[in-house]
Amino acid sequence: MLITSMSSFHPEDAKAWWVAYDAIVLIDSEIKSSNDLLASRPQCEGESPQFRMRKVTGAESPLELSRSVRTQDWTPTAAKIHVGNLEKLVNDLGGKQLYGEGDNFAIVIRELIQNARDAIRARMAIAANFNGRILIKVARKSESKTVIEIWDDGVGMSQRTMVGSLLDFGTSFWASDLVQSEFPGLRSSNFKPVGRFGIGFYSVFMVASEVSVLSRLYSDGISDVTKLNFPDGLTLRPILSKGGGDGFDAAFSTRVCITVDEPIEAVKDRLINKGQPIELRVPLKNYLAAITVGLDVSVALQIEGESQRQVHENINSLRSQDKVREWIIDMTFSDVLGSPVDASAKYVCENFERIRCIEFEGRIVGCAALIDLPPHNGLKYLTTDAIGGLTNNTNRGAGGYLGYFENQPTSAKRDSGTKVAPTGVLQAWANEQILILRQKNASQEQLYWAASNLSNLELDPIEIISFPLVYPDFTVVLKTFDEIFDILVSSPIPSLMNRQCNFSETNLGFVCIDGLPTLRPLSAGNLIHLELENGHPKYPWSLLGCLARLVSRRGRELEYEVKPNVLTTFKRSLLVYWMPFVAFVPR
């Protein structure tokens, strides 16, 4: 059976064409099932011949049917959403939700920028003297909808890639065989993609009601542009067509266009801390600067009716003090926090000169200054952990440093793992920060909190460590090692230890045990570890670990004793941790 159409189906008629295709596939299936039934029927008297019709021409594939049920300006394709490597997908996700809780808009923008970055860095690896860029365009579609376009001039995608690897959920194009055939030599270059899990493209459907992808290989012409359109999100088959039309900029290789159900005013000024007591409206430029904090590709923003603005420069060009200042102000929202004396903005302006770039294997993997303030200090938006130079965590706090560190991903969810820079490189940065703080005559309290933050980063704080002691009048005094050494010569120093965790207790008020100066860390964190291993502190960057190493430098050793708690107030949960000093130990 041959079914034909009297006129061609245009792209706007794609839904009707697919309805026809599904109906034809159903007719073909019914004919074949009926013939199979007739063939299997017992022959009693005479024959039960099968139908003369054996199939419907074109039912085997959309492309074949389009020869008789014609299409114009587009090609129906069998590129359906599919999972090519389910086992890998399960392993990558580790049984957790794909992206977890958070700002879905930021997740989508991060994933699209990451894909554009990988395409650009791939082209940079195979084309000498090429420097790519990403352009983000924002325009009003209606009163309640906004169009966002991500343009890049990277390697681009062939039609084979767009209907294959792009839609193959769980398999990254960079790990596929297509890479070798389309970009010979790329795998042997120094190119390292950020995308590794093959799931980023699907994030767009969390916020987009319509998605289209236009792309060509960077070596091809405009006539080779292929368009993959999802007019109704992820619910229907994509529409494949050839040619980019008048709107495709020849300076670029790929354009991803998404329609979000938000008015342009909400897109231009992103709401941070939604539903919280203090909400913040952040201009899209700053919002994108936070997401692209450590990206090694430049990003520009073009909002409808406004001039084009630079959002981010390649992090490897962050060399001058002026550029560092602009970068840190943008990504910490310091110029939009409201009051010019806001604590966070004030801290940024007073400390950005201490920011130093951290380099490893020829690239920048962090730009930061050590924070010298206690935790819970009310500062916001200062500390960022990035993966591949990107983050979706725009609502950040103030951790141990002002700036960002590059981290290894632990899963497709993009949880941060270990720092990319090895400990030796990070310790060199830490030592420089210590030197700068001393040159600026930082107070002993500032140095204590800097040491606490270094300890939390598992870096050695021994050069600036001090020891908080509680006295009988409940005053707390930070003591230098020399002062602590003098006390230990004649007296033990106790500390309350949590029975379950081997931590110095910080959840209680300041306690002085038996009238002795009592060691009591000022906050939780790595400084409070008291665990021993083979008779020595297990954590060398804890207060106890630093004390033991400093005592050893004097040719002595610490002796440790755990006693039952003598304070009835805390008897249920605590022990007393004694640290008597052995006065004479051979050097």
Protein backbone atom coordinates (compact mmCIF):
# COMPACT_ATOMS: atom_id res chain seq x y z
CA MET A 1 0.00 0.00 0.00
CA LEU A 2 1.29 3.45 -0.90
CA ILE A 3 -0.12 6.48 0.88
CA THR A 4 0.62 9.91 -0.58
CA SER A 5 -0.13 13.52 0.25
CA MET A 6 -1.63 16.08 -2.12
CA SER A 7 0.65 18.84 -0.77
CA SER A 8 3.78 19.10 1.28
CA PHE A 9 3.90 19.48 5.06
CA HIS A 10 5.76 22.59 6.24
CA PRO A 11 7.63 22.86 9.61
CA GLU A 12 4.54 24.36 11.25
CA ASP A 13 2.64 21.24 10.14
CA ALA A 14 5.15 18.86 11.75
CA LYS A 15 2.71 17.69 14.43
CA ALA A 16 0.14 16.73 11.77
CA TRP A 17 2.82 14.90 9.76
CA TRP A 18 3.81 12.84 12.81
CA VAL A 19 0.15 12.00 13.48
CA ALA A 20 -0.03 10.70 9.90
CA TYR A 21 3.18 8.73 10.38
CA ASP A 22 1.90 7.12 13.58
CA ALA A 23 -1.37 6.19 11.84
CA ILE A 24 0.53 4.65 8.90
CA VAL A 25 2.75 2.65 11.26
CA LEU A 26 -0.40 1.38 13.00
CA ILE A 27 -2.00 0.38 9.65
CA ASP A 28 1.21 -1.39 8.62
CA SER A 29 1.29 -3.27 11.93
CA GLU A 30 -2.36 -4.33 11.58
CA ILE A 31 -1.85 -5.60 8.01
CA LYS A 32 1.16 -7.68 9.05
CA SER A 33 -0.63 -9.06 12.14
CA SER A 34 -3.68 -10.02 10.05
CA ASN A 35 -1.55 -11.79 7.47
CA ASP A 36 0.28 -13.67 10.20
CA LEU A 37 -3.08 -14.77 11.65
CA LEU A 38 -4.34 -15.93 8.27
CA ALA A 39 -1.15 -17.86 7.63
CA SER A 40 -1.46 -19.69 10.93
CA ARG A 41 -5.16 -20.51 10.57
CA PRO A 42 -5.95 -24.29 10.22
CA GLN A 43 -6.92 -25.17 6.66
CA CYS A 44 -10.17 -27.21 6.76
CA GLU A 45 -11.90 -26.64 3.46
CA GLY A 46 -10.04 -24.71 0.83
CA GLU A 47 -7.59 -21.96 1.57
CA SER A 48 -7.55 -18.75 3.69
CA PRO A 49 -5.38 -16.59 1.57
CA GLN A 50 -3.51 -13.66 3.01
CA PHE A 51 -4.24 -10.10 1.94
CA ARG A 52 -2.52 -8.93 -1.17
CA MET A 53 -1.31 -5.95 0.79
CA ARG A 54 1.76 -7.01 2.76
CA LYS A 55 2.91 -3.63 4.13
CA VAL A 56 2.58 0.14 3.87
CA THR A 57 5.45 1.74 2.01
CA GLY A 58 7.43 4.12 4.19
CA ALA A 59 6.26 2.75 7.54
CA GLU A 60 9.75 1.41 8.24
CA SER A 61 11.20 4.90 8.80
CA PRO A 62 10.13 8.57 8.83
CA LEU A 63 12.67 9.39 6.14
CA GLU A 64 11.21 6.77 3.76
CA LEU A 65 7.65 7.98 4.35
CA SER A 66 8.66 11.57 3.59
CA ARG A 67 9.21 10.50 -0.03
CA SER A 68 5.46 9.93 -0.47
CA VAL A 69 3.98 12.00 2.34
CA ARG A 70 6.16 14.92 1.44
CA THR A 71 7.75 17.53 3.70
CA GLN A 72 9.15 20.90 2.73
CA ASP A 73 12.00 22.79 4.45
CA TRP A 74 12.45 20.10 7.08
CA THR A 75 13.30 16.41 7.36
CA PRO A 76 11.54 14.00 9.73
CA THR A 77 14.11 12.04 11.64
CA ALA A 78 14.09 9.02 13.88
CA ALA A 79 16.26 10.93 16.40
CA LYS A 80 14.13 10.15 19.43
CA ILE A 81 15.20 10.74 23.01
CA HIS A 82 17.12 7.63 23.99
CA VAL A 83 19.57 6.26 26.51
CA GLY A 84 22.52 4.62 24.81
CA ASN A 85 24.38 3.49 27.93
CA LEU A 86 22.00 2.91 30.83
CA GLU A 87 24.58 1.19 33.06
CA LYS A 88 26.97 4.14 32.74
CA LEU A 89 24.15 6.57 33.47
CA VAL A 90 23.22 4.74 36.67
CA ASN A 91 26.84 4.60 37.79
CA ASP A 92 27.40 8.29 37.03
CA LEU A 93 24.34 9.43 38.93
CA GLY A 94 24.94 7.10 41.86
CA GLY A 95 21.22 6.72 42.54
CA LYS A 96 20.82 10.46 43.32
CA GLN A 97 18.59 12.95 41.61
CA LEU A 98 20.09 14.30 38.45
CA TYR A 99 20.73 17.86 39.53
CA GLY A 100 19.39 18.06 43.06
CA GLU A 101 17.92 21.13 44.70
CA GLY A 102 18.96 24.58 43.63
CA ASP A 103 18.44 27.35 41.13
CA ASN A 104 17.21 25.56 38.00
CA PHE A 105 17.80 28.61 35.83
CA ALA A 106 21.43 28.77 36.95
CA ILE A 107 21.84 25.03 36.30
CA VAL A 108 20.54 25.39 32.74
CA ILE A 109 22.74 28.39 31.94
CA ARG A 110 25.76 26.65 33.45
CA GLU A 111 25.23 23.52 31.35
CA LEU A 112 24.74 25.46 28.12
CA ILE A 113 27.83 27.58 28.77
CA GLN A 114 29.80 24.44 29.57
CA ASN A 115 28.84 22.87 26.24
CA ALA A 116 29.84 26.06 24.43
CA ARG A 117 33.12 26.20 26.34
CA ASP A 118 34.02 22.63 25.42
CA ALA A 119 33.33 23.32 21.75
CA ILE A 120 35.54 26.42 21.82
CA ARG A 121 38.41 24.78 23.70
CA ALA A 122 38.25 21.85 21.25
CA ARG A 123 38.65 24.25 18.33
CA MET A 124 41.50 26.02 20.13
CA ALA A 125 43.24 22.66 20.44
CA ILE A 126 43.13 21.94 16.70
CA ALA A 127 43.27 25.46 15.21
CA ALA A 128 46.38 27.50 15.92
CA ASN A 129 45.98 31.05 17.24
CA PHE A 130 42.22 30.73 17.67
CA ASN A 131 40.50 32.44 20.61
CA GLY A 132 36.81 31.77 20.86
CA ARG A 133 33.98 33.51 22.65
CA ILE A 134 30.50 32.92 23.98
CA LEU A 135 27.70 35.42 23.41
CA ILE A 136 24.48 35.30 25.42
CA LYS A 137 21.50 37.15 23.92
CA VAL A 138 18.28 37.96 25.77
CA ALA A 139 15.12 39.22 24.06
CA ARG A 140 11.43 39.57 24.81
CA LYS A 141 9.15 37.04 23.10
CA SER A 142 5.91 38.11 24.77
CA GLU A 143 4.79 39.75 28.00
CA SER A 144 5.36 36.49 29.88
CA LYS A 145 8.08 34.75 27.82
CA THR A 146 11.75 35.48 27.14
CA VAL A 147 14.12 34.05 24.55
CA ILE A 148 17.70 33.29 25.62
CA GLU A 149 20.31 32.39 23.03
CA ILE A 150 23.77 30.92 23.69
CA TRP A 151 26.10 31.44 20.73
CA ASP A 152 29.61 30.02 20.40
CA ASP A 153 32.25 29.83 17.66
CA GLY A 154 33.60 26.43 18.63
CA VAL A 155 33.95 23.29 16.52
CA GLY A 156 30.22 23.05 15.87
CA MET A 157 28.13 19.94 15.25
CA SER A 158 27.34 17.94 12.15
CA GLN A 159 23.85 16.58 11.53
CA ARG A 160 25.13 13.16 12.52
CA THR A 161 26.20 14.52 15.90
CA MET A 162 22.97 16.41 16.48
CA VAL A 163 20.72 13.41 15.93
CA GLY A 164 23.18 11.05 17.60
CA SER A 165 25.46 12.06 20.45
CA LEU A 166 23.53 15.21 21.38
CA LEU A 167 20.41 13.15 22.08
CA ASP A 168 22.17 10.05 23.43
CA PHE A 169 21.41 10.50 27.11
CA GLY A 170 24.33 9.37 29.27
CA THR A 171 27.04 9.31 26.59
CA SER A 172 29.30 12.31 26.07
CA PHE A 173 30.16 13.28 22.49
CA TRP A 174 33.79 13.76 23.59
CA ALA A 175 33.97 10.09 24.52
CA SER A 176 32.25 8.86 21.34
CA ASP A 177 33.76 7.49 18.13
CA LEU A 178 32.47 10.54 16.24
CA VAL A 179 35.22 12.67 17.75
CA GLN A 180 37.92 10.71 15.96
CA SER A 181 36.16 10.79 12.59
CA GLU A 182 35.07 14.46 12.68
CA PHE A 183 38.07 15.97 14.50
CA PRO A 184 41.17 13.84 13.90
CA GLY A 185 43.94 14.61 16.34
CA LEU A 186 41.70 16.10 19.03
CA ARG A 187 42.08 13.15 21.38
CA SER A 188 45.86 13.34 21.17
CA SER A 189 45.84 17.09 21.93
CA ASN A 190 45.78 18.76 25.35
CA PHE A 191 42.00 19.30 25.13
CA LYS A 192 40.13 18.36 28.31
CA PRO A 193 36.34 18.67 28.18
CA VAL A 194 34.40 19.72 31.25
CA GLY A 195 31.37 17.71 30.11
CA ARG A 196 31.86 14.05 30.84
CA PHE A 197 28.44 12.58 31.55
CA GLY A 198 26.38 13.32 28.44
CA ILE A 199 23.40 14.73 30.33
CA GLY A 200 23.88 18.51 30.23
CA PHE A 201 21.69 19.22 27.20
CA TYR A 202 18.65 17.69 28.92
CA SER A 203 18.82 20.21 31.74
CA VAL A 204 17.32 22.87 29.42
CA PHE A 205 13.91 21.25 29.63
CA MET A 206 13.73 22.06 33.36
CA VAL A 207 13.02 25.70 32.49
CA ALA A 208 12.43 25.86 28.72
CA SER A 209 9.05 25.49 27.02
CA GLU A 210 10.70 25.54 23.58
CA VAL A 211 14.25 24.65 22.51
CA SER A 212 16.08 24.83 19.21
CA VAL A 213 19.66 23.98 18.32
CA LEU A 214 21.32 25.30 15.14
CA SER A 215 24.83 24.20 14.31
CA ARG A 216 27.39 23.48 11.61
CA LEU A 217 30.95 22.28 11.64
CA TYR A 218 33.15 25.37 11.89
CA SER A 219 34.70 24.49 8.52
CA ASP A 220 31.30 24.36 6.76
CA GLY A 221 29.19 27.16 5.33
CA ILE A 222 25.86 28.66 6.38
CA SER A 223 24.01 26.38 3.95
CA ASP A 224 25.23 23.41 6.01
CA VAL A 225 23.54 24.58 9.21
CA THR A 226 21.26 21.93 10.69
CA LYS A 227 18.35 22.87 12.94
CA LEU A 228 16.90 20.60 15.61
CA ASN A 229 13.72 22.05 17.06
CA PHE A 230 11.74 21.01 20.13
CA PRO A 231 8.67 23.27 19.77
CA ASP A 232 6.92 21.85 22.84
CA GLY A 233 9.77 20.98 25.15
CA LEU A 234 10.63 17.34 25.68
CA THR A 235 7.18 15.93 24.97
CA LEU A 236 7.27 15.47 21.16
CA ARG A 237 9.76 14.33 18.54
CA PRO A 238 12.21 17.04 17.43
CA ILE A 239 11.92 18.60 13.99
CA LEU A 240 15.07 18.36 11.88
CA SER A 241 15.64 20.84 9.06
CA LYS A 242 18.47 22.21 6.96
CA GLY A 243 19.66 25.81 6.68
CA GLY A 244 20.04 28.44 9.38
CA GLY A 245 17.88 31.10 7.78
CA ASP A 246 18.52 34.82 7.90
CA GLY A 247 19.04 34.89 11.65
CA PHE A 248 22.17 32.75 11.85
CA ASP A 249 25.33 34.77 12.42
CA ALA A 250 28.15 33.49 10.20
CA ALA A 251 30.71 34.40 12.88
CA PHE A 252 29.43 31.54 15.04
CA SER A 253 29.14 27.76 14.75
CA THR A 254 26.33 26.95 17.17
CA ARG A 255 23.26 28.65 18.58
CA VAL A 256 21.12 27.14 21.32
CA CYS A 257 17.84 29.01 21.78
CA ILE A 258 15.51 28.44 24.73
CA THR A 259 12.20 30.04 25.59
CA VAL A 260 11.55 30.48 29.32
CA ASP A 261 8.21 31.29 30.88
CA GLU A 262 9.46 34.45 32.59
CA PRO A 263 9.05 38.09 31.57
CA ILE A 264 12.26 39.73 30.41
CA GLU A 265 12.30 41.94 33.53
CA ALA A 266 12.67 38.83 35.72
CA VAL A 267 15.45 37.47 33.51
CA LYS A 268 17.37 40.77 33.49
CA ASP A 269 17.30 40.96 37.30
CA ARG A 270 17.59 37.56 38.95
CA LEU A 271 16.06 36.98 42.36
CA ILE A 272 18.45 35.49 44.92
CA ASN A 273 17.26 34.08 48.28
CA LYS A 274 13.70 33.77 47.02
CA GLY A 275 11.30 33.35 49.91
CA GLN A 276 13.96 34.21 52.50
CA PRO A 277 13.79 37.20 54.88
CA ILE A 278 16.38 39.04 52.79
CA GLU A 279 15.84 38.74 49.03
CA LEU A 280 18.28 40.23 46.55
CA ARG A 281 17.80 41.32 42.94
CA VAL A 282 21.02 40.75 41.00
CA PRO A 283 21.59 42.09 37.46
CA LEU A 284 21.99 39.30 34.93
CA LYS A 285 25.56 40.44 34.20
CA ASN A 286 26.63 39.82 37.82
CA TYR A 287 24.58 36.63 37.99
CA LEU A 288 26.42 35.27 34.93
CA ALA A 289 29.76 36.50 36.32
CA ALA A 290 29.17 34.35 39.40
CA ILE A 291 28.30 31.28 37.28
CA THR A 292 31.37 31.70 35.01
CA VAL A 293 33.72 32.58 37.88
CA GLY A 294 36.72 30.56 36.67
CA LEU A 295 35.87 29.89 33.01
CA ASP A 296 38.75 29.75 30.54
CA VAL A 297 36.66 31.33 27.73
CA SER A 298 35.35 34.88 27.43
CA VAL A 299 31.60 35.55 27.78
CA ALA A 300 29.60 38.59 26.62
CA LEU A 301 25.96 39.56 27.21
CA GLN A 302 23.58 41.29 24.79
CA ILE A 303 20.20 42.28 26.24
CA GLU A 304 17.57 43.57 23.84
CA GLY A 305 17.74 47.35 23.59
CA GLU A 306 21.05 47.56 25.48
CA SER A 307 24.69 47.65 24.43
CA GLN A 308 26.76 44.48 24.53
CA ARG A 309 28.69 44.03 27.79
CA GLN A 310 31.57 41.82 28.81
CA VAL A 311 30.50 39.38 31.52
CA HIS A 312 33.71 37.43 31.96
CA GLU A 313 37.19 37.34 30.50
CA ASN A 314 39.20 34.15 30.09
CA ILE A 315 40.39 33.44 33.63
CA ASN A 316 43.92 32.93 32.34
CA SER A 317 44.03 36.64 31.39
CA LEU A 318 43.37 37.69 34.99
CA ARG A 319 46.80 39.21 35.55
CA SER A 320 46.45 42.88 36.47
CA GLN A 321 45.16 44.25 39.79
CA ASP A 322 42.46 46.23 37.98
CA LYS A 323 41.12 43.09 36.30
CA VAL A 324 41.17 41.19 39.59
CA ARG A 325 39.20 43.98 41.26
CA GLU A 326 36.55 44.05 38.50
CA TRP A 327 36.30 40.25 38.52
CA ILE A 328 35.83 39.89 42.28
CA ILE A 329 33.35 42.78 42.53
CA ASP A 330 31.19 41.30 39.76
CA MET A 331 31.15 37.74 41.08
CA THR A 332 30.53 38.76 44.72
CA PHE A 333 27.72 41.22 43.82
CA SER A 334 29.66 43.88 45.74
CA ASP A 335 28.40 46.68 43.50
CA VAL A 336 24.74 45.70 43.84
CA LEU A 337 24.35 44.79 47.50
CA GLY A 338 22.64 48.06 48.32
CA SER A 339 24.52 50.10 50.86
CA PRO A 340 28.05 51.22 50.00
CA VAL A 341 29.11 50.25 53.54
CA ASP A 342 27.62 46.76 53.33
CA ALA A 343 29.89 44.38 55.25
CA SER A 344 30.52 42.02 52.33
CA ALA A 345 31.23 44.80 49.82
CA LYS A 346 33.44 46.56 52.36
CA TYR A 347 35.46 43.40 52.99
CA VAL A 348 35.92 42.84 49.24
CA CYS A 349 37.13 46.39 48.66
CA GLU A 350 39.55 46.20 51.58
CA ASN A 351 41.01 42.79 50.77
CA PHE A 352 40.90 42.20 46.98
CA GLU A 353 44.57 43.23 46.72
CA ARG A 354 45.49 40.05 48.65
CA ILE A 355 43.93 37.83 45.96
CA ARG A 356 46.52 35.64 44.23
CA CYS A 357 46.03 33.29 41.28
CA ILE A 358 46.86 29.62 41.76
CA GLU A 359 48.40 27.92 38.75
CA PHE A 360 48.76 24.22 38.04
CA GLU A 361 49.80 22.49 34.82
CA GLY A 362 49.90 25.77 32.94
CA ARG A 363 46.43 27.03 33.83
CA ILE A 364 44.74 28.96 36.61
CA VAL A 365 42.82 26.70 39.02
CA GLY A 366 41.97 29.26 41.65
CA CYS A 367 42.07 32.96 42.54
CA ALA A 368 41.62 33.69 46.20
CA ALA A 369 42.62 35.52 49.36
CA LEU A 370 42.51 33.88 52.78
CA ILE A 371 39.64 35.17 54.94
CA ASP A 372 40.78 36.38 58.38
CA LEU A 373 37.38 36.63 60.05
CA PRO A 374 35.38 34.14 62.15
CA PRO A 375 32.57 32.07 60.58
CA HIS A 376 28.98 33.29 60.88
CA ASN A 377 30.23 36.82 60.33
CA GLY A 378 27.29 37.89 58.19
CA LEU A 379 29.33 38.04 54.99
CA LYS A 380 27.76 36.68 51.81
CA TYR A 381 28.69 35.71 48.24
CA LEU A 382 32.46 35.62 48.87
CA THR A 383 33.42 31.95 48.47
CA THR A 384 32.86 29.81 45.36
CA ASP A 385 33.74 26.22 44.52
CA ALA A 386 33.83 25.75 40.74
CA ILE A 387 33.97 22.73 38.46
CA GLY A 388 35.38 23.44 35.02
CA GLY A 389 35.36 27.12 35.96
CA LEU A 390 31.57 27.06 36.45
CA THR A 391 29.09 26.92 39.31
CA ASN A 392 25.33 27.06 39.64
CA ASN A 393 25.53 28.13 43.29
CA THR A 394 24.87 31.84 42.96
CA ASN A 395 23.67 32.07 46.58
CA ARG A 396 27.00 31.57 48.31
CA GLY A 397 28.30 32.30 51.77
CA ALA A 398 31.73 33.20 53.13
CA GLY A 399 33.94 30.16 53.63
CA GLY A 400 37.66 30.12 54.18
CA TYR A 401 38.63 32.28 51.23
CA LEU A 402 37.56 35.25 49.11
CA GLY A 403 37.41 34.10 45.49
CA TYR A 404 37.22 30.64 43.95
CA PHE A 405 38.96 27.27 43.87
CA GLU A 406 38.65 24.73 41.06
CA ASN A 407 37.37 21.34 42.26
CA GLN A 408 37.07 17.83 40.87
CA PRO A 409 33.47 16.67 40.28
CA THR A 410 32.34 13.67 42.30
CA SER A 411 29.19 12.91 40.27
CA ALA A 412 26.98 14.10 37.45
CA LYS A 413 25.21 16.21 40.07
CA ARG A 414 28.40 18.33 40.19
CA ASP A 415 29.12 17.91 43.87
CA SER A 416 32.54 19.36 44.62
CA GLY A 417 35.32 16.95 45.51
CA THR A 418 38.99 17.55 46.09
CA LYS A 419 40.74 20.68 44.89
CA VAL A 420 42.34 20.44 41.43
CA ALA A 421 45.55 22.03 42.71
CA PRO A 422 47.65 19.55 44.73
CA THR A 423 48.43 20.22 48.38
CA GLY A 424 51.93 21.53 47.66
CA VAL A 425 50.60 24.19 45.27
CA LEU A 426 47.85 25.20 47.70
CA GLN A 427 50.31 25.37 50.60
CA ALA A 428 52.52 27.74 48.59
CA TRP A 429 49.46 29.99 48.12
CA ALA A 430 48.74 29.71 51.86
CA ASN A 431 52.30 30.66 52.80
CA GLU A 432 52.08 33.74 50.58
CA GLN A 433 48.79 34.72 52.23
CA ILE A 434 50.43 34.39 55.67
CA LEU A 435 53.28 36.64 54.55
CA ILE A 436 50.86 39.28 53.21
CA LEU A 437 48.80 39.26 56.43
CA ARG A 438 51.92 39.74 58.51
CA GLN A 439 53.09 42.56 56.27
CA LYS A 440 49.72 44.24 56.84
CA ASN A 441 50.17 43.88 60.63
CA ALA A 442 47.18 41.60 61.06
CA SER A 443 46.10 41.20 64.70
CA GLN A 444 46.54 37.96 66.60
CA GLU A 445 42.80 37.38 66.36
CA GLN A 446 42.89 37.83 62.57
CA LEU A 447 45.76 35.38 62.34
CA TYR A 448 43.87 32.86 64.48
CA TRP A 449 40.88 32.93 62.14
CA ALA A 450 43.16 32.76 59.12
CA ALA A 451 44.79 29.69 60.72
CA SER A 452 41.34 28.19 61.35
CA ASN A 453 40.40 28.63 57.70
CA LEU A 454 43.68 27.09 56.56
CA SER A 455 43.03 24.11 58.81
CA ASN A 456 39.55 23.71 57.32
CA LEU A 457 41.22 23.62 53.89
CA GLU A 458 43.55 20.92 55.26
CA LEU A 459 46.51 23.25 54.86
CA ASP A 460 49.17 23.80 57.50
CA PRO A 461 48.47 26.81 59.78
CA ILE A 462 51.41 26.22 62.12
CA GLU A 463 53.23 29.47 61.27
CA ILE A 464 50.37 31.65 62.55
CA ILE A 465 48.65 29.34 65.04
CA SER A 466 47.66 30.56 68.48
CA PHE A 467 45.88 28.75 71.28
CA PRO A 468 42.66 29.96 73.02
CA LEU A 469 42.80 29.37 76.80
CA VAL A 470 39.93 29.86 79.24
CA TYR A 471 40.95 31.17 82.67
CA PRO A 472 39.11 30.88 86.03
CA ASP A 473 37.45 34.26 85.51
CA PHE A 474 36.15 32.88 82.16
CA THR A 475 38.20 35.28 80.11
CA VAL A 476 39.51 33.84 76.86
CA VAL A 477 43.06 34.70 75.84
CA LEU A 478 44.85 33.77 72.63
CA LYS A 479 48.29 32.49 73.59
CA THR A 480 51.34 32.19 71.38
CA PHE A 481 53.27 28.95 71.38
CA ASP A 482 56.01 30.45 73.55
CA GLU A 483 53.40 31.33 76.18
CA ILE A 484 51.82 27.88 75.94
CA PHE A 485 55.25 26.24 76.28
CA ASP A 486 55.95 28.15 79.47
CA ILE A 487 52.62 26.99 80.96
CA LEU A 488 53.22 23.35 80.00
CA VAL A 489 56.58 23.29 81.73
CA SER A 490 54.83 23.45 85.08
CA SER A 491 51.18 22.60 84.52
CA PRO A 492 48.94 20.38 82.41
CA ILE A 493 46.41 21.96 80.07
CA PRO A 494 42.96 20.29 79.98
CA SER A 495 40.27 20.36 77.35
CA LEU A 496 36.73 19.02 77.27
CA MET A 497 36.42 16.22 74.72
CA ASN A 498 33.22 15.01 73.13
CA ARG A 499 33.02 11.31 73.99
CA GLN A 500 31.55 10.27 70.63
CA CYS A 501 33.59 12.34 68.19
CA ASN A 502 37.01 12.89 69.79
CA PHE A 503 36.55 16.61 69.29
CA SER A 504 37.29 19.42 71.66
CA GLU A 505 33.82 20.51 72.76
CA THR A 506 32.66 23.82 71.28
CA ASN A 507 28.89 23.47 71.71
CA LEU A 508 29.06 24.48 75.38
CA GLY A 509 29.98 27.76 76.98
CA PHE A 510 33.51 28.55 78.07
CA VAL A 511 34.58 26.19 80.85
CA CYS A 512 37.66 26.32 83.08
CA ILE A 513 38.58 22.92 84.52
CA ASP A 514 40.05 22.68 88.05
CA GLY A 515 41.22 26.27 87.89
CA LEU A 516 43.68 25.38 85.11
CA PRO A 517 44.01 27.28 81.82
CA THR A 518 41.72 25.20 79.58
CA LEU A 519 42.14 24.80 75.84
CA ARG A 520 38.89 25.63 74.10
CA PRO A 521 38.74 26.32 70.33
CA LEU A 522 36.68 29.37 69.42
CA SER A 523 34.56 27.55 66.82
CA ALA A 524 34.00 24.18 65.20
CA GLY A 525 36.17 23.02 62.31
CA ASN A 526 39.35 21.06 61.79
CA LEU A 527 41.19 22.79 64.64
CA ILE A 528 39.12 20.91 67.24
CA HIS A 529 40.33 17.36 66.40
CA LEU A 530 41.76 15.52 69.41
CA GLU A 531 42.03 12.00 68.00
CA LEU A 532 45.29 10.14 68.49
CA GLU A 533 46.86 7.55 66.21
CA ASN A 534 49.83 5.49 67.43
CA GLY A 535 50.25 7.87 70.34
CA HIS A 536 50.37 11.04 68.21
CA PRO A 537 47.74 13.52 66.97
CA LYS A 538 46.06 12.11 63.88
CA TYR A 539 45.40 15.52 62.33
CA PRO A 540 48.59 17.59 62.09
CA TRP A 541 46.71 20.80 61.20
CA SER A 542 44.52 20.72 64.37
CA LEU A 543 45.36 22.78 67.45
CA LEU A 544 46.66 19.64 69.14
CA GLY A 545 48.61 18.59 66.04
CA CYS A 546 50.26 22.02 65.73
CA LEU A 547 51.07 22.06 69.44
CA ALA A 548 52.70 18.63 69.29
CA ARG A 549 54.84 19.61 66.30
CA LEU A 550 55.90 22.90 67.87
CA VAL A 551 56.83 21.14 71.11
CA SER A 552 58.84 18.64 69.08
CA ARG A 553 60.80 21.53 67.57
CA ARG A 554 61.92 22.34 71.13
CA GLY A 555 63.19 18.80 71.59
CA ARG A 556 60.28 17.71 73.76
CA GLU A 557 57.13 15.65 73.40
CA LEU A 558 53.58 15.86 74.66
CA GLU A 559 52.09 13.19 76.87
CA TYR A 560 48.35 12.57 76.72
CA GLU A 561 45.93 11.27 79.31
CA VAL A 562 42.16 10.83 79.19
CA LYS A 563 40.35 11.04 82.51
CA PRO A 564 36.68 10.65 83.46
CA ASN A 565 34.85 13.94 83.58
CA VAL A 566 35.04 15.55 87.00
CA LEU A 567 32.46 18.21 86.14
CA THR A 568 29.02 16.84 87.03
CA THR A 569 27.34 19.40 84.79
CA PHE A 570 28.72 17.69 81.67
CA LYS A 571 29.28 14.19 83.06
CA ARG A 572 26.88 12.45 80.69
CA SER A 573 28.66 13.34 77.49
CA LEU A 574 32.19 14.51 78.10
CA LEU A 575 35.60 13.43 79.28
CA VAL A 576 38.48 15.61 80.33
CA TYR A 577 41.39 15.50 77.93
CA TRP A 578 44.65 16.22 79.72
CA MET A 579 47.88 17.23 78.03
CA PRO A 580 50.62 17.16 80.67
CA PHE A 581 54.05 18.18 79.53
CA VAL A 582 57.00 15.85 79.93
CA ALA A 583 59.72 18.25 80.99
CA PHE A 584 62.68 16.19 79.98
CA VAL A 585 62.74 14.24 76.76
CA PRO A 586 66.06 13.79 74.90
CA ARG A 587 66.26 15.79 71.67
